[in-house]
Amino acid sequence: MARTAVALAVALALPMAAGCGKTSPEDDVRAAVEGYAKAFAGRDYQALCDVYFDPQVISGLEASGLPCESAIRPKVSSTRNPKLEIRRITVDGDSAKVEVHTTADAESPTDDTLALVKDREGRWRITPLAAGPQPGGP
């Protein structure tokens, strides 16, 4: 599916809220995925590459010889009215999997799994799944 290529290039990061009390790892992962979906829908190519994608995803995208933002622009800009619904979140230490349902105008709905890893700064970023189908974009 066309959204799969873009979602593979997706990494999410969202710092924990300061001064608002502690959040659970599941809450932090949820916030990261929701931030990714908002950046995707808003066509914020810079945020997708700089904030949400894991370095492995960026390396894969840039292997084509284009910067990350240029590599994702065609797919992201052509996706109309993308929506992402989180179905289930599973956190295991510094890794997480999020089952999502995605829809977009003129595209078939998909059920996908996003893999996330926590970076050194404690932010969650979307990374490629080790095996199996790759995650889809919102």
N, C-alpha and C. Protein backbone atom coordinates (compact mmCIF):
# COMPACT_ATOMS: atom_id res chain seq x y z
N MET A 1 0.84 -1.17 0.00
CA MET A 1 0.00 0.00 0.00
C MET A 1 0.89 1.24 0.00
N ALA A 2 0.47 2.29 -0.65
CA ALA A 2 1.29 3.50 -0.78
C ALA A 2 1.59 4.13 0.56
N ARG A 3 0.64 4.11 1.49
CA ARG A 3 0.89 4.72 2.79
C ARG A 3 1.97 3.98 3.56
N THR A 4 2.19 2.72 3.25
CA THR A 4 3.17 1.92 3.95
C THR A 4 4.57 2.52 3.82
N ALA A 5 4.93 2.99 2.65
CA ALA A 5 6.26 3.56 2.45
C ALA A 5 6.48 4.79 3.31
N VAL A 6 5.46 5.60 3.44
CA VAL A 6 5.60 6.81 4.25
C VAL A 6 5.64 6.44 5.72
N ALA A 7 4.78 5.56 6.17
CA ALA A 7 4.74 5.21 7.58
C ALA A 7 6.03 4.55 8.01
N LEU A 8 6.65 3.79 7.12
CA LEU A 8 7.93 3.19 7.43
C LEU A 8 8.92 4.29 7.76
N ALA A 9 8.75 5.44 7.15
CA ALA A 9 9.64 6.55 7.37
C ALA A 9 9.22 7.38 8.58
N VAL A 10 8.35 6.84 9.35
CA VAL A 10 7.80 7.59 10.45
C VAL A 10 8.48 7.28 11.76
N ALA A 11 8.86 8.30 12.46
CA ALA A 11 9.33 8.12 13.83
C ALA A 11 8.70 9.19 14.67
N LEU A 12 8.32 8.83 15.86
CA LEU A 12 7.62 9.78 16.70
C LEU A 12 8.43 10.09 17.93
N ALA A 13 8.40 11.32 18.30
CA ALA A 13 9.04 11.69 19.55
C ALA A 13 8.20 12.75 20.20
N LEU A 14 8.06 12.64 21.47
CA LEU A 14 7.33 13.66 22.20
C LEU A 14 7.86 13.67 23.61
N PRO A 15 8.42 14.80 24.04
CA PRO A 15 8.95 14.84 25.39
C PRO A 15 7.81 14.70 26.39
N MET A 16 8.15 14.17 27.55
CA MET A 16 7.17 14.05 28.61
C MET A 16 6.75 15.45 29.05
N ALA A 17 5.51 15.59 29.43
CA ALA A 17 5.00 16.89 29.86
C ALA A 17 5.67 17.29 31.16
N ALA A 18 6.22 18.48 31.18
CA ALA A 18 6.91 18.97 32.37
C ALA A 18 5.91 19.65 33.28
N GLY A 19 6.01 19.35 34.57
CA GLY A 19 5.18 20.01 35.56
C GLY A 19 3.75 19.53 35.60
N CYS A 20 3.40 18.54 34.84
CA CYS A 20 2.01 18.06 34.81
C CYS A 20 1.89 16.72 35.52
N GLY A 21 2.87 16.35 36.29
CA GLY A 21 2.83 15.04 36.91
C GLY A 21 3.40 14.00 35.98
N LYS A 22 3.53 12.80 36.50
CA LYS A 22 4.09 11.73 35.69
C LYS A 22 3.03 11.11 34.82
N THR A 23 3.46 10.71 33.64
CA THR A 23 2.57 10.00 32.73
C THR A 23 3.06 8.57 32.60
N SER A 24 2.20 7.70 32.20
CA SER A 24 2.59 6.30 31.99
C SER A 24 3.31 6.19 30.66
N PRO A 25 4.10 5.13 30.49
CA PRO A 25 4.73 4.92 29.17
C PRO A 25 3.68 4.81 28.06
N GLU A 26 2.55 4.20 28.34
CA GLU A 26 1.48 4.08 27.34
C GLU A 26 0.96 5.46 26.94
N ASP A 27 0.82 6.36 27.93
CA ASP A 27 0.38 7.72 27.64
C ASP A 27 1.38 8.45 26.75
N ASP A 28 2.67 8.26 27.06
CA ASP A 28 3.71 8.91 26.25
C ASP A 28 3.72 8.38 24.82
N VAL A 29 3.56 7.08 24.66
CA VAL A 29 3.51 6.48 23.32
C VAL A 29 2.28 7.00 22.58
N ARG A 30 1.13 7.04 23.26
CA ARG A 30 -0.10 7.55 22.64
C ARG A 30 0.11 8.98 22.15
N ALA A 31 0.71 9.81 23.00
CA ALA A 31 0.95 11.21 22.62
C ALA A 31 1.87 11.31 21.41
N ALA A 32 2.87 10.44 21.34
CA ALA A 32 3.79 10.46 20.21
C ALA A 32 3.07 10.07 18.92
N VAL A 33 2.27 9.02 18.97
CA VAL A 33 1.55 8.58 17.77
C VAL A 33 0.54 9.64 17.34
N GLU A 34 -0.15 10.24 18.29
CA GLU A 34 -1.09 11.30 17.95
C GLU A 34 -0.37 12.51 17.36
N GLY A 35 0.81 12.83 17.87
CA GLY A 35 1.60 13.93 17.31
C GLY A 35 2.04 13.63 15.89
N TYR A 36 2.44 12.39 15.65
CA TYR A 36 2.80 11.96 14.29
C TYR A 36 1.62 12.13 13.34
N ALA A 37 0.45 11.64 13.78
CA ALA A 37 -0.73 11.72 12.91
C ALA A 37 -1.06 13.17 12.59
N LYS A 38 -0.93 14.05 13.57
CA LYS A 38 -1.21 15.47 13.34
C LYS A 38 -0.19 16.07 12.36
N ALA A 39 1.09 15.73 12.53
CA ALA A 39 2.13 16.23 11.62
C ALA A 39 1.90 15.71 10.20
N PHE A 40 1.51 14.45 10.08
CA PHE A 40 1.25 13.86 8.76
C PHE A 40 0.08 14.58 8.09
N ALA A 41 -1.02 14.74 8.82
CA ALA A 41 -2.20 15.40 8.27
C ALA A 41 -1.92 16.86 7.92
N GLY A 42 -1.03 17.50 8.70
CA GLY A 42 -0.69 18.90 8.46
C GLY A 42 0.44 19.08 7.47
N ARG A 43 0.92 17.98 6.91
CA ARG A 43 2.01 18.01 5.94
C ARG A 43 3.25 18.72 6.49
N ASP A 44 3.55 18.45 7.75
CA ASP A 44 4.72 19.04 8.40
C ASP A 44 5.91 18.10 8.19
N TYR A 45 6.48 18.16 7.00
CA TYR A 45 7.57 17.27 6.60
C TYR A 45 8.76 17.38 7.54
N GLN A 46 9.08 18.58 7.95
CA GLN A 46 10.21 18.80 8.85
C GLN A 46 10.00 18.08 10.18
N ALA A 47 8.81 18.22 10.76
CA ALA A 47 8.53 17.54 12.03
C ALA A 47 8.56 16.03 11.86
N LEU A 48 7.99 15.53 10.78
CA LEU A 48 7.99 14.09 10.56
C LEU A 48 9.43 13.55 10.59
N CYS A 49 10.31 14.23 9.88
CA CYS A 49 11.69 13.76 9.79
C CYS A 49 12.50 14.06 11.05
N ASP A 50 12.34 15.24 11.62
CA ASP A 50 13.18 15.65 12.74
C ASP A 50 12.68 15.19 14.10
N VAL A 51 11.37 15.04 14.24
CA VAL A 51 10.80 14.74 15.55
C VAL A 51 10.29 13.31 15.65
N TYR A 52 9.66 12.81 14.62
CA TYR A 52 8.92 11.56 14.73
C TYR A 52 9.62 10.32 14.19
N PHE A 53 10.52 10.46 13.23
CA PHE A 53 11.16 9.30 12.64
C PHE A 53 12.44 8.93 13.38
N ASP A 54 12.63 7.64 13.60
CA ASP A 54 13.85 7.10 14.15
C ASP A 54 14.96 7.23 13.10
N PRO A 55 16.21 7.39 13.52
CA PRO A 55 17.30 7.51 12.55
C PRO A 55 17.36 6.37 11.52
N GLN A 56 16.94 5.16 11.90
CA GLN A 56 16.93 4.05 10.93
C GLN A 56 15.96 4.34 9.79
N VAL A 57 14.84 4.92 10.11
CA VAL A 57 13.85 5.26 9.10
C VAL A 57 14.41 6.33 8.17
N ILE A 58 15.02 7.34 8.74
CA ILE A 58 15.59 8.44 7.95
C ILE A 58 16.68 7.91 7.03
N SER A 59 17.54 7.04 7.55
CA SER A 59 18.60 6.46 6.71
C SER A 59 18.02 5.70 5.53
N GLY A 60 16.96 4.95 5.77
CA GLY A 60 16.31 4.21 4.69
C GLY A 60 15.74 5.13 3.63
N LEU A 61 15.12 6.21 4.07
CA LEU A 61 14.56 7.17 3.12
C LEU A 61 15.64 7.88 2.33
N GLU A 62 16.69 8.27 3.01
CA GLU A 62 17.75 9.03 2.35
C GLU A 62 18.65 8.17 1.49
N ALA A 63 18.49 6.84 1.55
CA ALA A 63 19.26 5.95 0.68
C ALA A 63 18.93 6.19 -0.78
N SER A 64 17.77 6.81 -1.04
CA SER A 64 17.38 7.12 -2.42
C SER A 64 18.15 8.32 -2.97
N GLY A 65 18.93 8.98 -2.10
CA GLY A 65 19.70 10.14 -2.53
C GLY A 65 19.00 11.46 -2.27
N LEU A 66 17.80 11.41 -1.72
CA LEU A 66 17.05 12.62 -1.40
C LEU A 66 17.04 12.84 0.11
N PRO A 67 16.95 14.08 0.54
CA PRO A 67 16.76 14.33 1.97
C PRO A 67 15.41 13.76 2.40
N CYS A 68 15.28 13.43 3.67
CA CYS A 68 14.06 12.83 4.20
C CYS A 68 12.82 13.60 3.78
N GLU A 69 12.81 14.91 3.96
CA GLU A 69 11.64 15.72 3.65
C GLU A 69 11.23 15.59 2.18
N SER A 70 12.21 15.58 1.29
CA SER A 70 11.92 15.43 -0.14
C SER A 70 11.44 14.02 -0.47
N ALA A 71 11.97 13.03 0.22
CA ALA A 71 11.60 11.64 -0.05
C ALA A 71 10.15 11.37 0.34
N ILE A 72 9.66 11.99 1.41
CA ILE A 72 8.29 11.73 1.86
C ILE A 72 7.25 12.68 1.26
N ARG A 73 7.70 13.80 0.75
CA ARG A 73 6.77 14.83 0.26
C ARG A 73 5.73 14.31 -0.75
N PRO A 74 6.09 13.54 -1.78
CA PRO A 74 5.08 13.11 -2.75
C PRO A 74 3.93 12.32 -2.11
N LYS A 75 4.24 11.38 -1.25
CA LYS A 75 3.18 10.56 -0.65
C LYS A 75 2.38 11.36 0.37
N VAL A 76 3.05 12.07 1.24
CA VAL A 76 2.34 12.82 2.27
C VAL A 76 1.43 13.86 1.63
N SER A 77 1.94 14.59 0.65
CA SER A 77 1.15 15.66 0.03
C SER A 77 -0.03 15.13 -0.77
N SER A 78 0.05 13.90 -1.25
CA SER A 78 -1.04 13.35 -2.05
C SER A 78 -2.10 12.62 -1.20
N THR A 79 -1.83 12.40 0.06
CA THR A 79 -2.79 11.72 0.94
C THR A 79 -3.80 12.75 1.44
N ARG A 80 -5.05 12.52 1.14
CA ARG A 80 -6.12 13.46 1.49
C ARG A 80 -6.92 12.96 2.68
N ASN A 81 -7.11 13.86 3.63
CA ASN A 81 -7.93 13.60 4.81
C ASN A 81 -7.49 12.35 5.58
N PRO A 82 -6.20 12.24 5.91
CA PRO A 82 -5.73 11.06 6.64
C PRO A 82 -6.22 11.07 8.09
N LYS A 83 -6.58 9.89 8.56
CA LYS A 83 -7.00 9.73 9.95
C LYS A 83 -6.36 8.46 10.50
N LEU A 84 -5.98 8.51 11.77
CA LEU A 84 -5.35 7.38 12.43
C LEU A 84 -6.08 7.15 13.75
N GLU A 85 -6.51 5.91 13.97
CA GLU A 85 -7.17 5.53 15.22
C GLU A 85 -6.28 4.51 15.93
N ILE A 86 -5.93 4.79 17.16
CA ILE A 86 -5.11 3.85 17.95
C ILE A 86 -6.04 2.78 18.51
N ARG A 87 -5.68 1.53 18.27
CA ARG A 87 -6.50 0.41 18.74
C ARG A 87 -5.90 -0.23 20.00
N ARG A 88 -4.57 -0.39 20.04
CA ARG A 88 -3.93 -1.01 21.20
C ARG A 88 -2.48 -0.57 21.28
N ILE A 89 -2.00 -0.38 22.52
CA ILE A 89 -0.62 0.00 22.77
C ILE A 89 0.00 -1.05 23.70
N THR A 90 1.17 -1.55 23.30
CA THR A 90 1.91 -2.50 24.13
C THR A 90 3.32 -1.94 24.31
N VAL A 91 3.72 -1.70 25.55
CA VAL A 91 5.05 -1.17 25.85
C VAL A 91 5.86 -2.25 26.55
N ASP A 92 7.11 -2.43 26.11
CA ASP A 92 8.02 -3.39 26.71
C ASP A 92 9.37 -2.69 26.87
N GLY A 93 9.57 -2.06 28.02
CA GLY A 93 10.82 -1.33 28.26
C GLY A 93 10.92 -0.12 27.36
N ASP A 94 11.98 -0.11 26.52
CA ASP A 94 12.22 1.01 25.61
C ASP A 94 11.69 0.77 24.21
N SER A 95 10.79 -0.18 24.06
CA SER A 95 10.17 -0.41 22.76
C SER A 95 8.66 -0.53 22.96
N ALA A 96 7.94 -0.24 21.91
CA ALA A 96 6.47 -0.30 21.96
C ALA A 96 5.94 -0.68 20.59
N LYS A 97 4.75 -1.25 20.61
CA LYS A 97 4.02 -1.53 19.38
C LYS A 97 2.63 -0.93 19.54
N VAL A 98 2.16 -0.31 18.46
CA VAL A 98 0.86 0.34 18.48
C VAL A 98 0.06 -0.18 17.30
N GLU A 99 -1.06 -0.80 17.59
CA GLU A 99 -1.96 -1.25 16.54
C GLU A 99 -2.86 -0.09 16.18
N VAL A 100 -2.90 0.24 14.88
CA VAL A 100 -3.66 1.40 14.42
C VAL A 100 -4.56 1.02 13.25
N HIS A 101 -5.60 1.81 13.08
CA HIS A 101 -6.48 1.71 11.92
C HIS A 101 -6.38 3.05 11.20
N THR A 102 -6.03 3.02 9.92
CA THR A 102 -5.86 4.26 9.17
C THR A 102 -6.82 4.33 8.00
N THR A 103 -7.25 5.56 7.73
CA THR A 103 -8.11 5.82 6.58
C THR A 103 -7.65 7.11 5.92
N ALA A 104 -7.96 7.22 4.64
CA ALA A 104 -7.71 8.44 3.87
C ALA A 104 -8.63 8.40 2.66
N ASP A 105 -8.99 9.58 2.18
CA ASP A 105 -9.86 9.65 1.00
C ASP A 105 -9.22 8.91 -0.17
N ALA A 106 -10.04 8.15 -0.88
CA ALA A 106 -9.64 7.41 -2.09
C ALA A 106 -8.60 6.32 -1.83
N GLU A 107 -8.46 5.89 -0.57
CA GLU A 107 -7.55 4.79 -0.23
C GLU A 107 -8.31 3.79 0.63
N SER A 108 -7.95 2.53 0.52
CA SER A 108 -8.58 1.51 1.35
C SER A 108 -8.11 1.65 2.79
N PRO A 109 -9.00 1.46 3.75
CA PRO A 109 -8.59 1.50 5.15
C PRO A 109 -7.59 0.37 5.42
N THR A 110 -6.70 0.59 6.36
CA THR A 110 -5.72 -0.43 6.70
C THR A 110 -5.61 -0.56 8.21
N ASP A 111 -5.26 -1.77 8.65
CA ASP A 111 -4.91 -2.05 10.03
C ASP A 111 -3.42 -2.37 10.03
N ASP A 112 -2.66 -1.61 10.79
CA ASP A 112 -1.21 -1.73 10.77
C ASP A 112 -0.66 -1.72 12.19
N THR A 113 0.61 -2.03 12.31
CA THR A 113 1.31 -1.95 13.58
C THR A 113 2.50 -1.00 13.42
N LEU A 114 2.57 -0.02 14.29
CA LEU A 114 3.71 0.89 14.33
C LEU A 114 4.65 0.39 15.42
N ALA A 115 5.94 0.37 15.15
CA ALA A 115 6.93 0.04 16.16
C ALA A 115 7.60 1.34 16.59
N LEU A 116 7.78 1.50 17.89
CA LEU A 116 8.43 2.70 18.43
C LEU A 116 9.57 2.30 19.35
N VAL A 117 10.58 3.16 19.41
CA VAL A 117 11.68 2.98 20.36
C VAL A 117 11.86 4.29 21.10
N LYS A 118 12.34 4.18 22.34
CA LYS A 118 12.62 5.36 23.13
C LYS A 118 14.07 5.76 22.88
N ASP A 119 14.30 7.03 22.52
CA ASP A 119 15.67 7.47 22.23
C ASP A 119 16.38 7.89 23.53
N ARG A 120 17.61 8.33 23.41
CA ARG A 120 18.42 8.69 24.59
C ARG A 120 17.83 9.82 25.40
N GLU A 121 17.05 10.67 24.75
CA GLU A 121 16.42 11.79 25.45
C GLU A 121 15.07 11.40 26.06
N GLY A 122 14.67 10.14 25.90
CA GLY A 122 13.41 9.67 26.46
C GLY A 122 12.20 9.91 25.57
N ARG A 123 12.44 10.27 24.30
CA ARG A 123 11.34 10.50 23.35
C ARG A 123 11.06 9.23 22.56
N TRP A 124 9.80 9.01 22.27
CA TRP A 124 9.40 7.86 21.47
C TRP A 124 9.44 8.22 19.99
N ARG A 125 10.08 7.33 19.20
CA ARG A 125 10.20 7.54 17.76
C ARG A 125 9.77 6.28 17.02
N ILE A 126 9.12 6.47 15.89
CA ILE A 126 8.69 5.34 15.08
C ILE A 126 9.90 4.77 14.36
N THR A 127 9.99 3.45 14.38
CA THR A 127 11.12 2.73 13.79
C THR A 127 10.57 1.60 12.93
N PRO A 128 11.37 1.04 12.04
CA PRO A 128 10.88 -0.09 11.24
C PRO A 128 10.60 -1.30 12.13
N LEU A 129 9.59 -2.06 11.78
CA LEU A 129 9.35 -3.34 12.45
C LEU A 129 10.45 -4.30 12.06
N ALA A 130 10.83 -5.18 12.97
CA ALA A 130 11.89 -6.13 12.68
C ALA A 130 11.49 -7.10 11.57
N ALA A 131 10.23 -7.48 11.55
CA ALA A 131 9.77 -8.42 10.53
C ALA A 131 8.29 -8.18 10.30
N GLY A 132 7.80 -8.68 9.21
CA GLY A 132 6.37 -8.56 8.94
C GLY A 132 6.06 -7.29 8.18
N PRO A 133 4.77 -6.99 8.04
CA PRO A 133 4.37 -5.82 7.27
C PRO A 133 4.80 -4.54 7.97
N GLN A 134 5.09 -3.53 7.18
CA GLN A 134 5.50 -2.26 7.74
C GLN A 134 4.28 -1.41 8.05
N PRO A 135 4.42 -0.47 8.99
CA PRO A 135 3.27 0.35 9.39
C PRO A 135 2.80 1.26 8.29
N GLY A 136 1.53 1.61 8.33
CA GLY A 136 0.93 2.52 7.36
C GLY A 136 0.79 3.91 7.93
N GLY A 137 0.72 4.89 7.07
CA GLY A 137 0.52 6.27 7.50
C GLY A 137 -0.93 6.52 7.80
N PRO A 138 -1.20 7.63 8.46
CA PRO A 138 -2.60 7.93 8.77
C PRO A 138 -3.38 8.26 7.51
